[in-house]
Amino acid sequence: MTKTATKTAASNSSNLSAVIDAFGELKAMQAELAIKEKALKDAMADLAVGSYEGELFRVNISESVREAPDEILKAEFKRVVEDYRATLSRQYLQAHMGETVCRNHRVTARSGKRVTA
C-alpha cells in the first residue's frame, strides 16, 4: 500500500466510523417510527374503506385481494429451481393459491394546507 493509499484509508476510517454511527442512529429511528406507524394504523383498523381527513393530511384506506401460495406450494417452490414453475399448470397453481385481504394507507397533504415539521 502506498503512503497516499494509507493516508486515504486512515482518513476514511474515521469518516467510516461516523457514517456507521449515523447509519445506526437512522436505523434506530426507523424502528421507533415503525412502532409508531403500527400503533397509528391499529388505531384506524376499524375504519371502513374510504377517505378521511385530519387537519393537515388525508388518509385513503383501500383493500385489495392478493394471492399467496399455501404451505404445500411454498415447500415445492423451495425444492425446485425457478424454471420448474413454468412447467406447473395453471390449474395446479390455482389449486394451491389462497387469497389474503390487504389493507393500504396512502397519506397525502391536504390541498391548501401548509405542512411543517
Protein backbone atom coordinates (compact mmCIF):
# COMPACT_ATOMS: atom_id res chain seq x y z
CA MET A 1 0.00 0.00 0.00
CA THR A 2 1.37 3.41 -0.93
CA LYS A 3 1.62 6.33 1.53
CA THR A 4 -1.26 8.08 -0.22
CA ALA A 5 -3.41 4.97 -0.06
CA THR A 6 -2.54 4.51 3.63
CA LYS A 7 -3.49 8.13 4.45
CA THR A 8 -6.73 7.80 2.49
CA ALA A 9 -7.59 4.58 4.29
CA ALA A 10 -6.84 6.18 7.70
CA SER A 11 -8.94 9.27 6.99
CA ASN A 12 -11.73 7.14 5.58
CA SER A 13 -11.56 5.01 8.73
CA SER A 14 -12.53 7.92 11.00
CA ASN A 15 -15.16 9.03 8.48
CA LEU A 16 -16.40 5.45 8.22
CA SER A 17 -16.93 5.35 11.97
CA ALA A 18 -19.12 8.46 11.76
CA VAL A 19 -21.02 7.02 8.80
CA ILE A 20 -21.60 3.74 10.63
CA ASP A 21 -22.82 5.57 13.74
CA ALA A 22 -25.12 7.81 11.69
CA PHE A 23 -26.47 4.76 9.89
CA GLY A 24 -27.09 3.00 13.20
CA GLU A 25 -28.91 6.05 14.57
CA LEU A 26 -31.03 6.22 11.42
CA LYS A 27 -31.95 2.53 11.69
CA ALA A 28 -32.90 3.03 15.36
CA MET A 29 -35.12 5.99 14.41
CA GLN A 30 -36.72 3.92 11.65
CA ALA A 31 -37.50 1.18 14.16
CA GLU A 32 -39.11 3.69 16.52
CA LEU A 33 -41.10 5.22 13.68
CA ALA A 34 -42.24 1.77 12.53
CA ILE A 35 -43.62 1.10 16.02
CA LYS A 36 -45.46 4.45 16.00
CA GLU A 37 -46.77 3.80 12.48
CA LYS A 38 -48.13 0.41 13.53
CA ALA A 39 -49.88 1.94 16.54
CA LEU A 40 -51.48 4.61 14.35
CA LYS A 41 -52.60 2.04 11.76
CA ASP A 42 -54.03 -0.09 14.58
CA ALA A 43 -55.98 2.98 15.77
CA MET A 44 -57.56 3.20 12.28
CA ALA A 45 -58.16 -0.56 11.94
CA ASP A 46 -61.94 -0.31 12.41
CA LEU A 47 -62.42 2.40 9.77
CA ALA A 48 -64.28 1.34 6.65
CA VAL A 49 -62.68 1.68 3.23
CA GLY A 50 -62.76 5.35 2.24
CA SER A 51 -61.11 8.74 2.65
CA TYR A 52 -60.69 10.51 5.98
CA GLU A 53 -59.32 13.96 6.72
CA GLY A 54 -57.29 15.37 9.56
CA GLU A 55 -56.26 18.98 9.94
CA LEU A 56 -53.23 18.63 7.64
CA PHE A 57 -53.47 15.24 5.98
CA ARG A 58 -55.93 12.94 4.30
CA VAL A 59 -55.77 9.16 4.50
CA ASN A 60 -57.28 6.93 1.83
CA ILE A 61 -57.96 3.41 3.05
CA SER A 62 -58.37 0.73 0.41
CA GLU A 63 -58.38 -3.03 0.42
CA SER A 64 -57.28 -5.46 -2.26
CA VAL A 65 -57.05 -9.21 -2.53
CA ARG A 66 -53.67 -10.78 -3.08
CA GLU A 67 -52.95 -14.38 -3.83
CA ALA A 68 -50.24 -16.27 -1.98
CA PRO A 69 -49.10 -19.88 -2.20
CA ASP A 70 -50.15 -22.26 0.56
CA GLU A 71 -47.54 -24.20 2.57
CA ILE A 72 -47.56 -27.12 0.13
CA LEU A 73 -46.73 -24.93 -2.82
CA LYS A 74 -44.15 -22.92 -0.85
CA ALA A 75 -42.30 -26.11 0.02
CA GLU A 76 -42.39 -27.24 -3.59
CA PHE A 77 -41.09 -23.90 -4.85
CA LYS A 78 -38.27 -24.15 -2.34
CA ARG A 79 -37.19 -27.56 -3.59
CA VAL A 80 -37.08 -26.72 -7.28
CA VAL A 81 -35.46 -24.15 -9.50
CA GLU A 82 -37.43 -21.15 -10.76
CA ASP A 83 -37.67 -22.64 -14.25
CA TYR A 84 -39.72 -25.51 -12.86
CA ARG A 85 -42.55 -23.12 -12.01
CA ALA A 86 -43.12 -22.56 -15.72
CA THR A 87 -43.86 -26.28 -16.09
CA LEU A 88 -46.63 -26.23 -13.46
CA SER A 89 -50.12 -25.99 -14.88
CA ARG A 90 -52.34 -23.01 -14.25
CA GLN A 91 -54.85 -25.37 -12.61
CA TYR A 92 -52.20 -26.66 -10.19
CA LEU A 93 -51.15 -23.13 -9.24
CA GLN A 94 -54.76 -22.06 -8.72
CA ALA A 95 -55.44 -25.14 -6.58
CA HIS A 96 -52.61 -24.19 -4.22
CA MET A 97 -53.10 -20.43 -4.03
CA GLY A 98 -55.01 -18.64 -1.28
CA GLU A 99 -56.44 -15.13 -1.09
CA THR A 100 -55.48 -12.55 1.52
CA VAL A 101 -57.13 -9.19 2.12
CA CYS A 102 -54.51 -6.45 2.17
CA ARG A 103 -55.14 -3.01 3.65
CA ASN A 104 -53.29 0.05 2.31
CA HIS A 105 -52.89 3.52 3.83
CA ARG A 106 -51.79 6.30 1.48
CA VAL A 107 -51.25 9.67 3.13
CA THR A 108 -51.07 12.95 1.23
CA ALA A 109 -51.01 16.60 2.28
CA ARG A 110 -54.37 18.33 2.02
CA SER A 111 -54.72 20.98 -0.65
CA GLY A 112 -54.14 24.50 0.63
CA LYS A 113 -52.65 23.34 3.94
CA ARG A 114 -49.05 24.07 4.78
CA VAL A 115 -47.20 21.12 6.29
CA THR A 116 -44.46 21.97 8.77
CA ALA A 117 -42.14 19.65 10.61
